């Protein structure tokens, strides 16, 4: 409960909102409950980042492993580009600018996501260098879309992804 609520607070209020009092109030529990689960705020932050890494990267990849390229790509994109994920991505990236621990989690997540996008691209091209470039460009589109104000979402983002894939000869 603490970690799920932590992600919701992070998405809405940013890292500064990850206050023990705020979290306890939102969960309807005492601060003592927090300290029962976590030694301190730093431990909570690291567990929250690990939870985010697993939920927003490893779970998405696990759920996108079945089928051919088109099916896997469609599922990965649907899960990755869900609207509620955008605010969370922005919050984690902002946190990583100021905090070396958050930065290390984000760096690992970025590498892992690009590796999976490259794995997908390698299903339709034998050229590993092209697959890597495709993966990096597709991921740059995702990161850029989340960082724009207002962010690029929904059908507009889908159109941009499809256009990029056509330009890269991947459909």
N, C-alpha and C. Protein backbone atom coordinates (compact mmCIF):
# COMPACT_ATOMS: atom_id res chain seq x y z
N UNK A 1 0.82 -1.20 0.00
CA UNK A 1 0.00 0.00 0.00
C UNK A 1 0.87 1.26 0.00
N UNK A 2 1.92 1.25 0.83
CA UNK A 2 2.80 2.42 0.91
C UNK A 2 3.46 2.72 -0.43
N UNK A 3 3.94 1.70 -1.12
CA UNK A 3 4.65 1.93 -2.37
C UNK A 3 3.70 2.36 -3.49
N UNK A 4 2.53 1.73 -3.56
CA UNK A 4 1.56 2.14 -4.59
C UNK A 4 1.12 3.58 -4.36
N UNK A 5 0.83 3.91 -3.10
CA UNK A 5 0.44 5.29 -2.79
C UNK A 5 1.61 6.23 -3.04
N UNK A 6 2.81 5.78 -2.75
CA UNK A 6 3.99 6.58 -3.02
C UNK A 6 4.11 6.94 -4.49
N UNK A 7 3.83 5.99 -5.38
CA UNK A 7 3.87 6.29 -6.82
C UNK A 7 2.79 7.30 -7.20
N UNK A 8 1.59 7.16 -6.61
CA UNK A 8 0.52 8.12 -6.91
C UNK A 8 0.91 9.53 -6.45
N UNK A 9 1.47 9.62 -5.25
CA UNK A 9 1.90 10.92 -4.72
C UNK A 9 3.04 11.48 -5.57
N UNK A 10 3.99 10.65 -5.92
CA UNK A 10 5.11 11.09 -6.75
C UNK A 10 4.61 11.66 -8.07
N UNK A 11 3.65 10.98 -8.70
CA UNK A 11 3.11 11.44 -9.98
C UNK A 11 2.38 12.77 -9.83
N UNK A 12 1.66 12.96 -8.72
CA UNK A 12 0.87 14.18 -8.53
C UNK A 12 1.66 15.35 -7.95
N UNK A 13 2.58 15.06 -7.02
CA UNK A 13 3.24 16.13 -6.27
C UNK A 13 4.75 16.18 -6.45
N UNK A 14 5.30 15.20 -7.14
CA UNK A 14 6.74 15.14 -7.27
C UNK A 14 7.39 14.58 -6.02
N UNK A 15 8.70 14.49 -6.06
CA UNK A 15 9.45 13.89 -4.96
C UNK A 15 9.24 14.64 -3.64
N UNK A 16 9.04 15.94 -3.70
CA UNK A 16 8.82 16.73 -2.48
C UNK A 16 7.55 16.30 -1.75
N UNK A 17 6.60 15.73 -2.48
CA UNK A 17 5.35 15.26 -1.87
C UNK A 17 5.49 13.97 -1.11
N UNK A 18 6.63 13.32 -1.23
CA UNK A 18 6.83 12.04 -0.54
C UNK A 18 7.18 12.27 0.93
N UNK A 19 6.29 12.95 1.59
CA UNK A 19 6.41 13.29 3.00
C UNK A 19 5.69 12.21 3.81
N UNK A 20 6.30 11.75 4.88
CA UNK A 20 5.72 10.67 5.68
C UNK A 20 4.35 11.06 6.20
N UNK A 21 4.19 12.30 6.66
CA UNK A 21 2.88 12.76 7.16
C UNK A 21 1.83 12.72 6.06
N UNK A 22 2.19 13.21 4.88
CA UNK A 22 1.26 13.22 3.74
C UNK A 22 0.85 11.80 3.38
N UNK A 23 1.82 10.91 3.26
CA UNK A 23 1.53 9.53 2.89
C UNK A 23 0.66 8.85 3.94
N UNK A 24 1.00 9.02 5.22
CA UNK A 24 0.22 8.39 6.29
C UNK A 24 -1.22 8.89 6.27
N UNK A 25 -1.40 10.18 6.09
CA UNK A 25 -2.75 10.75 6.04
C UNK A 25 -3.54 10.19 4.86
N UNK A 26 -2.91 10.12 3.71
CA UNK A 26 -3.60 9.59 2.52
C UNK A 26 -3.99 8.13 2.70
N UNK A 27 -3.17 7.39 3.43
CA UNK A 27 -3.45 5.97 3.67
C UNK A 27 -4.34 5.75 4.90
N UNK A 28 -4.57 6.80 5.67
CA UNK A 28 -5.39 6.68 6.87
C UNK A 28 -4.72 5.88 7.97
N UNK A 29 -3.41 6.02 8.09
CA UNK A 29 -2.65 5.28 9.11
C UNK A 29 -1.74 6.26 9.85
N UNK A 30 -1.05 5.76 10.85
CA UNK A 30 -0.14 6.60 11.63
C UNK A 30 1.26 6.57 11.03
N UNK A 31 2.07 7.53 11.46
CA UNK A 31 3.47 7.54 11.05
C UNK A 31 4.18 6.28 11.56
N UNK A 32 3.71 5.75 12.67
CA UNK A 32 4.30 4.52 13.22
C UNK A 32 4.22 3.38 12.22
N UNK A 33 3.14 3.34 11.45
CA UNK A 33 2.99 2.31 10.42
C UNK A 33 4.10 2.43 9.38
N UNK A 34 4.44 3.67 9.03
CA UNK A 34 5.53 3.88 8.08
C UNK A 34 6.81 3.26 8.62
N UNK A 35 7.12 3.57 9.86
CA UNK A 35 8.38 3.09 10.45
C UNK A 35 8.36 1.59 10.73
N UNK A 36 7.18 1.02 10.77
CA UNK A 36 7.08 -0.44 10.87
C UNK A 36 7.55 -1.09 9.55
N UNK A 37 7.24 -0.42 8.43
CA UNK A 37 7.58 -0.96 7.11
C UNK A 37 8.95 -0.52 6.60
N UNK A 38 9.37 0.68 6.98
CA UNK A 38 10.61 1.26 6.44
C UNK A 38 11.43 1.86 7.57
N UNK A 39 12.72 1.65 7.50
CA UNK A 39 13.62 2.17 8.54
C UNK A 39 13.61 3.70 8.57
N UNK A 40 13.58 4.31 7.38
CA UNK A 40 13.58 5.77 7.28
C UNK A 40 13.14 6.18 5.88
N UNK A 41 13.10 7.48 5.64
CA UNK A 41 12.63 8.01 4.35
C UNK A 41 13.54 7.56 3.21
N UNK A 42 14.85 7.47 3.44
CA UNK A 42 15.80 7.05 2.40
C UNK A 42 15.51 5.61 1.96
N UNK A 43 15.27 4.73 2.93
CA UNK A 43 14.94 3.34 2.60
C UNK A 43 13.65 3.29 1.81
N UNK A 44 12.64 4.07 2.25
CA UNK A 44 11.38 4.14 1.52
C UNK A 44 11.62 4.60 0.08
N UNK A 45 12.42 5.65 -0.09
CA UNK A 45 12.69 6.19 -1.43
C UNK A 45 13.33 5.14 -2.33
N UNK A 46 14.29 4.40 -1.80
CA UNK A 46 14.95 3.37 -2.61
C UNK A 46 14.00 2.23 -2.94
N UNK A 47 13.17 1.83 -1.98
CA UNK A 47 12.19 0.78 -2.27
C UNK A 47 11.15 1.27 -3.27
N UNK A 48 10.78 2.54 -3.18
CA UNK A 48 9.83 3.12 -4.13
C UNK A 48 10.41 3.13 -5.54
N UNK A 49 11.66 3.53 -5.66
CA UNK A 49 12.31 3.53 -6.97
C UNK A 49 12.43 2.12 -7.53
N UNK A 50 12.74 1.14 -6.69
CA UNK A 50 12.82 -0.25 -7.14
C UNK A 50 11.44 -0.74 -7.58
N UNK A 51 10.41 -0.36 -6.85
CA UNK A 51 9.03 -0.73 -7.18
C UNK A 51 8.64 -0.10 -8.52
N UNK A 52 8.99 1.18 -8.71
CA UNK A 52 8.72 1.86 -9.98
C UNK A 52 9.45 1.15 -11.13
N UNK A 53 10.71 0.82 -10.91
CA UNK A 53 11.50 0.14 -11.93
C UNK A 53 10.84 -1.17 -12.35
N UNK A 54 10.41 -1.94 -11.38
CA UNK A 54 9.79 -3.22 -11.69
C UNK A 54 8.44 -3.04 -12.36
N UNK A 55 7.59 -2.18 -11.80
CA UNK A 55 6.24 -2.00 -12.33
C UNK A 55 6.22 -1.35 -13.71
N UNK A 56 7.07 -0.36 -13.92
CA UNK A 56 7.00 0.42 -15.15
C UNK A 56 7.97 -0.06 -16.23
N UNK A 57 8.80 -1.03 -15.90
CA UNK A 57 9.74 -1.53 -16.90
C UNK A 57 9.67 -3.05 -16.99
N UNK A 58 10.06 -3.72 -15.94
CA UNK A 58 10.13 -5.18 -16.01
C UNK A 58 8.75 -5.81 -16.21
N UNK A 59 7.73 -5.32 -15.50
CA UNK A 59 6.38 -5.86 -15.69
C UNK A 59 5.88 -5.60 -17.11
N UNK A 60 6.13 -4.41 -17.62
CA UNK A 60 5.71 -4.06 -18.99
C UNK A 60 6.39 -4.99 -19.99
N UNK A 61 7.67 -5.22 -19.81
CA UNK A 61 8.40 -6.12 -20.72
C UNK A 61 7.87 -7.54 -20.60
N UNK A 62 7.65 -8.00 -19.37
CA UNK A 62 7.11 -9.36 -19.18
C UNK A 62 5.77 -9.53 -19.88
N UNK A 63 4.93 -8.51 -19.79
CA UNK A 63 3.60 -8.58 -20.40
C UNK A 63 3.63 -8.40 -21.92
N UNK A 64 4.79 -8.08 -22.46
CA UNK A 64 4.93 -7.82 -23.90
C UNK A 64 5.78 -8.87 -24.60
N UNK A 65 5.94 -10.02 -24.03
CA UNK A 65 6.84 -11.04 -24.58
C UNK A 65 6.17 -12.00 -25.56
N UNK A 66 4.86 -12.02 -25.62
CA UNK A 66 4.16 -13.00 -26.45
C UNK A 66 3.83 -12.44 -27.83
N UNK A 67 3.89 -13.31 -28.83
CA UNK A 67 3.45 -12.94 -30.16
C UNK A 67 4.57 -12.51 -31.08
N UNK A 68 4.15 -12.09 -32.29
CA UNK A 68 5.12 -11.63 -33.28
C UNK A 68 5.48 -10.17 -32.99
N UNK A 69 6.28 -9.59 -33.86
CA UNK A 69 6.73 -8.21 -33.65
C UNK A 69 5.55 -7.26 -33.46
N UNK A 70 4.56 -7.33 -34.35
CA UNK A 70 3.44 -6.39 -34.29
C UNK A 70 2.68 -6.49 -32.98
N UNK A 71 2.42 -7.72 -32.54
CA UNK A 71 1.69 -7.93 -31.29
C UNK A 71 2.50 -7.45 -30.09
N UNK A 72 3.77 -7.82 -30.07
CA UNK A 72 4.64 -7.42 -28.95
C UNK A 72 4.81 -5.91 -28.90
N UNK A 73 5.05 -5.32 -30.06
CA UNK A 73 5.23 -3.87 -30.14
C UNK A 73 3.97 -3.15 -29.69
N UNK A 74 2.82 -3.59 -30.18
CA UNK A 74 1.56 -2.95 -29.83
C UNK A 74 1.33 -3.01 -28.32
N UNK A 75 1.53 -4.17 -27.73
CA UNK A 75 1.32 -4.34 -26.29
C UNK A 75 2.31 -3.49 -25.49
N UNK A 76 3.58 -3.50 -25.88
CA UNK A 76 4.58 -2.70 -25.17
C UNK A 76 4.23 -1.22 -25.23
N UNK A 77 3.84 -0.75 -26.40
CA UNK A 77 3.50 0.67 -26.56
C UNK A 77 2.25 1.03 -25.76
N UNK A 78 1.24 0.17 -25.79
CA UNK A 78 0.03 0.44 -25.03
C UNK A 78 0.35 0.58 -23.54
N UNK A 79 1.14 -0.35 -23.03
CA UNK A 79 1.47 -0.33 -21.60
C UNK A 79 2.41 0.82 -21.25
N UNK A 80 3.35 1.12 -22.12
CA UNK A 80 4.33 2.17 -21.84
C UNK A 80 3.75 3.56 -21.93
N UNK A 81 2.81 3.74 -22.84
CA UNK A 81 2.31 5.08 -23.12
C UNK A 81 0.96 5.36 -22.46
N UNK A 82 0.58 4.57 -21.46
CA UNK A 82 -0.66 4.85 -20.74
C UNK A 82 -0.58 6.26 -20.17
N UNK A 83 -1.67 6.98 -20.21
CA UNK A 83 -1.67 8.39 -19.84
C UNK A 83 -1.18 8.63 -18.42
N UNK A 84 -1.59 7.78 -17.48
CA UNK A 84 -1.20 8.03 -16.09
C UNK A 84 0.30 7.85 -15.86
N UNK A 85 0.98 7.18 -16.77
CA UNK A 85 2.42 6.98 -16.62
C UNK A 85 3.22 8.25 -16.91
N UNK A 86 2.65 9.15 -17.67
CA UNK A 86 3.41 10.33 -18.08
C UNK A 86 3.83 11.19 -16.89
N UNK A 87 2.90 11.50 -15.99
CA UNK A 87 3.24 12.33 -14.84
C UNK A 87 4.28 11.65 -13.97
N UNK A 88 4.19 10.35 -13.85
CA UNK A 88 5.16 9.60 -13.06
C UNK A 88 6.54 9.66 -13.70
N UNK A 89 6.59 9.50 -15.02
CA UNK A 89 7.88 9.60 -15.73
C UNK A 89 8.51 10.97 -15.53
N UNK A 90 7.72 12.02 -15.66
CA UNK A 90 8.22 13.38 -15.48
C UNK A 90 8.76 13.55 -14.06
N UNK A 91 8.01 13.05 -13.07
CA UNK A 91 8.42 13.19 -11.67
C UNK A 91 9.72 12.46 -11.38
N UNK A 92 9.86 11.24 -11.90
CA UNK A 92 11.09 10.48 -11.66
C UNK A 92 12.27 11.17 -12.34
N UNK A 93 12.08 11.66 -13.55
CA UNK A 93 13.18 12.34 -14.25
C UNK A 93 13.58 13.63 -13.52
N UNK A 94 12.61 14.35 -12.99
CA UNK A 94 12.93 15.56 -12.23
C UNK A 94 13.68 15.20 -10.95
N UNK A 95 13.25 14.15 -10.29
CA UNK A 95 13.91 13.69 -9.07
C UNK A 95 15.35 13.30 -9.37
N UNK A 96 15.54 12.62 -10.49
CA UNK A 96 16.88 12.13 -10.86
C UNK A 96 17.85 13.28 -11.15
N UNK A 97 17.34 14.43 -11.50
CA UNK A 97 18.22 15.58 -11.73
C UNK A 97 18.90 16.04 -10.44
N UNK A 98 18.25 15.79 -9.30
CA UNK A 98 18.75 16.28 -8.02
C UNK A 98 19.31 15.19 -7.11
N UNK A 99 19.01 13.94 -7.41
CA UNK A 99 19.34 12.87 -6.47
C UNK A 99 20.11 11.76 -7.17
N UNK A 100 21.32 11.45 -6.72
CA UNK A 100 22.13 10.43 -7.39
C UNK A 100 21.53 9.02 -7.31
N UNK A 101 20.80 8.71 -6.25
CA UNK A 101 20.18 7.39 -6.16
C UNK A 101 19.07 7.27 -7.20
N UNK A 102 18.22 8.29 -7.27
CA UNK A 102 17.15 8.29 -8.28
C UNK A 102 17.75 8.25 -9.68
N UNK A 103 18.85 8.97 -9.88
CA UNK A 103 19.52 8.99 -11.19
C UNK A 103 20.02 7.59 -11.56
N UNK A 104 20.53 6.84 -10.60
CA UNK A 104 21.03 5.50 -10.91
C UNK A 104 19.89 4.56 -11.31
N UNK A 105 18.74 4.69 -10.65
CA UNK A 105 17.58 3.88 -11.03
C UNK A 105 17.11 4.26 -12.43
N UNK A 106 17.00 5.56 -12.68
CA UNK A 106 16.55 6.03 -13.99
C UNK A 106 17.50 5.59 -15.09
N UNK A 107 18.78 5.67 -14.86
CA UNK A 107 19.76 5.25 -15.87
C UNK A 107 19.59 3.77 -16.19
N UNK A 108 19.39 2.96 -15.17
CA UNK A 108 19.20 1.52 -15.39
C UNK A 108 17.91 1.26 -16.16
N UNK A 109 16.84 1.98 -15.81
CA UNK A 109 15.56 1.82 -16.50
C UNK A 109 15.70 2.24 -17.97
N UNK A 110 16.34 3.36 -18.23
CA UNK A 110 16.52 3.81 -19.61
C UNK A 110 17.27 2.77 -20.43
N UNK A 111 18.35 2.25 -19.87
CA UNK A 111 19.14 1.22 -20.58
C UNK A 111 18.27 -0.01 -20.85
N UNK A 112 17.53 -0.45 -19.85
CA UNK A 112 16.71 -1.67 -19.99
C UNK A 112 15.62 -1.48 -21.04
N UNK A 113 14.96 -0.35 -21.02
CA UNK A 113 13.90 -0.09 -21.99
C UNK A 113 14.46 -0.03 -23.41
N UNK A 114 15.59 0.63 -23.58
CA UNK A 114 16.21 0.69 -24.91
C UNK A 114 16.64 -0.70 -25.36
N UNK A 115 17.17 -1.51 -24.45
CA UNK A 115 17.54 -2.89 -24.81
C UNK A 115 16.33 -3.66 -25.31
N UNK A 116 15.19 -3.50 -24.64
CA UNK A 116 14.01 -4.23 -25.08
C UNK A 116 13.51 -3.69 -26.42
N UNK A 117 13.52 -2.39 -26.60
CA UNK A 117 13.12 -1.83 -27.90
C UNK A 117 14.05 -2.32 -29.00
N UNK A 118 15.33 -2.46 -28.70
CA UNK A 118 16.28 -3.00 -29.68
C UNK A 118 15.95 -4.46 -29.97
N UNK A 119 15.63 -5.21 -28.93
CA UNK A 119 15.24 -6.62 -29.12
C UNK A 119 14.03 -6.71 -30.05
N UNK A 120 13.06 -5.82 -29.85
CA UNK A 120 11.89 -5.80 -30.74
C UNK A 120 12.30 -5.47 -32.17
N UNK A 121 13.12 -4.45 -32.34
CA UNK A 121 13.55 -4.04 -33.68
C UNK A 121 14.32 -5.16 -34.38
N UNK A 122 15.06 -5.95 -33.62
CA UNK A 122 15.82 -7.05 -34.21
C UNK A 122 14.92 -8.17 -34.73
N UNK A 123 13.64 -8.13 -34.37
CA UNK A 123 12.69 -9.10 -34.94
C UNK A 123 12.38 -8.79 -36.40
N UNK A 124 12.62 -7.53 -36.81
CA UNK A 124 12.29 -7.14 -38.18
C UNK A 124 13.48 -6.64 -38.99
N UNK A 125 14.65 -6.61 -38.39
CA UNK A 125 15.86 -6.25 -39.14
C UNK A 125 17.03 -7.07 -38.62
N UNK A 126 17.86 -7.53 -39.54
CA UNK A 126 19.06 -8.28 -39.15
C UNK A 126 20.22 -7.35 -38.81
N UNK A 127 20.05 -6.08 -39.08
CA UNK A 127 21.11 -5.11 -38.85
C UNK A 127 21.05 -4.62 -37.40
N UNK A 128 21.97 -5.12 -36.57
CA UNK A 128 21.96 -4.77 -35.14
C UNK A 128 22.16 -3.28 -34.90
N UNK A 129 22.99 -2.66 -35.70
CA UNK A 129 23.23 -1.22 -35.53
C UNK A 129 21.96 -0.43 -35.84
N UNK A 130 21.25 -0.83 -36.89
CA UNK A 130 19.98 -0.17 -37.21
C UNK A 130 18.97 -0.41 -36.09
N UNK A 131 18.93 -1.63 -35.58
CA UNK A 131 18.00 -1.95 -34.49
C UNK A 131 18.28 -1.07 -33.27
N UNK A 132 19.55 -0.86 -32.98
CA UNK A 132 19.92 -0.01 -31.84
C UNK A 132 19.49 1.44 -32.09
N UNK A 133 19.71 1.92 -33.30
CA UNK A 133 19.32 3.29 -33.64
C UNK A 133 17.81 3.45 -33.56
N UNK A 134 17.08 2.48 -34.09
CA UNK A 134 15.61 2.50 -34.03
C UNK A 134 15.17 2.56 -32.57
N UNK A 135 15.76 1.73 -31.73
CA UNK A 135 15.40 1.69 -30.31
C UNK A 135 15.65 3.04 -29.65
N UNK A 136 16.80 3.62 -29.92
CA UNK A 136 17.14 4.90 -29.30
C UNK A 136 16.21 6.02 -29.78
N UNK A 137 15.88 6.03 -31.06
CA UNK A 137 14.97 7.05 -31.58
C UNK A 137 13.56 6.89 -31.01
N UNK A 138 13.10 5.65 -30.93
CA UNK A 138 11.76 5.41 -30.39
C UNK A 138 11.70 5.82 -28.92
N UNK A 139 12.76 5.52 -28.18
CA UNK A 139 12.78 5.88 -26.77
C UNK A 139 12.90 7.40 -26.60
N UNK A 140 13.69 8.02 -27.45
CA UNK A 140 13.81 9.48 -27.40
C UNK A 140 12.46 10.14 -27.65
N UNK A 141 11.65 9.57 -28.54
CA UNK A 141 10.31 10.08 -28.78
C UNK A 141 9.48 9.98 -27.50
N UNK A 142 9.54 8.84 -26.82
CA UNK A 142 8.79 8.65 -25.58
C UNK A 142 9.21 9.68 -24.53
N UNK A 143 10.52 9.78 -24.30
CA UNK A 143 11.02 10.71 -23.28
C UNK A 143 10.65 12.14 -23.65
N UNK A 144 10.86 12.49 -24.90
CA UNK A 144 10.52 13.84 -25.35
C UNK A 144 9.04 14.14 -25.20
N UNK A 145 8.19 13.17 -25.53
CA UNK A 145 6.75 13.36 -25.42
C UNK A 145 6.33 13.62 -23.98
N UNK A 146 6.98 12.94 -23.04
CA UNK A 146 6.63 13.13 -21.63
C UNK A 146 7.11 14.48 -21.11
N UNK A 147 8.18 15.00 -21.68
CA UNK A 147 8.79 16.23 -21.17
C UNK A 147 8.21 17.50 -21.79
N UNK A 148 7.52 17.37 -22.91
CA UNK A 148 6.93 18.55 -23.54
C UNK A 148 5.79 19.09 -22.68
N UNK A 149 5.56 20.40 -22.76
CA UNK A 149 4.47 21.02 -22.03
C UNK A 149 3.58 21.73 -23.04
N UNK A 150 2.34 21.28 -23.23
CA UNK A 150 1.80 20.06 -22.64
C UNK A 150 2.41 18.82 -23.30
N UNK A 151 2.37 17.73 -22.58
CA UNK A 151 2.96 16.50 -23.13
C UNK A 151 2.14 16.01 -24.32
N UNK A 152 2.81 15.29 -25.19
CA UNK A 152 2.16 14.71 -26.37
C UNK A 152 1.62 13.35 -25.96
N UNK A 153 0.29 13.17 -26.11
CA UNK A 153 -0.34 11.95 -25.61
C UNK A 153 -1.34 11.41 -26.63
N UNK A 154 -1.88 10.26 -26.30
CA UNK A 154 -3.00 9.70 -27.03
C UNK A 154 -2.76 9.51 -28.51
N UNK A 155 -3.74 9.92 -29.29
CA UNK A 155 -3.70 9.72 -30.74
C UNK A 155 -2.55 10.48 -31.40
N UNK A 156 -2.25 11.65 -30.88
CA UNK A 156 -1.14 12.42 -31.46
C UNK A 156 0.18 11.68 -31.28
N UNK A 157 0.40 11.12 -30.11
CA UNK A 157 1.62 10.37 -29.86
C UNK A 157 1.64 9.09 -30.70
N UNK A 158 0.50 8.45 -30.82
CA UNK A 158 0.42 7.24 -31.65
C UNK A 158 0.78 7.57 -33.09
N UNK A 159 0.28 8.69 -33.60
CA UNK A 159 0.59 9.11 -34.96
C UNK A 159 2.09 9.37 -35.12
N UNK A 160 2.69 10.02 -34.14
CA UNK A 160 4.14 10.28 -34.21
C UNK A 160 4.93 8.97 -34.19
N UNK A 161 4.54 8.03 -33.33
CA UNK A 161 5.23 6.73 -33.28
C UNK A 161 5.11 6.01 -34.61
N UNK A 162 3.91 5.99 -35.17
CA UNK A 162 3.70 5.29 -36.44
C UNK A 162 4.49 5.96 -37.56
N UNK A 163 4.53 7.28 -37.57
CA UNK A 163 5.31 8.01 -38.58
C UNK A 163 6.79 7.71 -38.44
N UNK A 164 7.28 7.73 -37.21
CA UNK A 164 8.69 7.41 -36.98
C UNK A 164 9.01 5.99 -37.45
N UNK A 165 8.13 5.04 -37.12
CA UNK A 165 8.37 3.66 -37.55
C UNK A 165 8.40 3.55 -39.07
N UNK A 166 7.52 4.27 -39.77
CA UNK A 166 7.53 4.23 -41.23
C UNK A 166 8.81 4.84 -41.78
N UNK A 167 9.23 5.94 -41.19
CA UNK A 167 10.49 6.57 -41.62
C UNK A 167 11.68 5.64 -41.40
N UNK A 168 11.58 4.82 -40.36
CA UNK A 168 12.67 3.89 -40.04
C UNK A 168 12.48 2.53 -40.71
N UNK A 169 11.44 2.40 -41.53
CA UNK A 169 11.12 1.16 -42.24
C UNK A 169 10.76 0.02 -41.29
N UNK A 170 10.11 0.36 -40.20
CA UNK A 170 9.63 -0.65 -39.24
C UNK A 170 8.14 -0.39 -39.10
N UNK A 171 7.28 -1.39 -39.37
CA UNK A 171 5.86 -1.15 -39.14
C UNK A 171 5.24 -2.10 -38.23
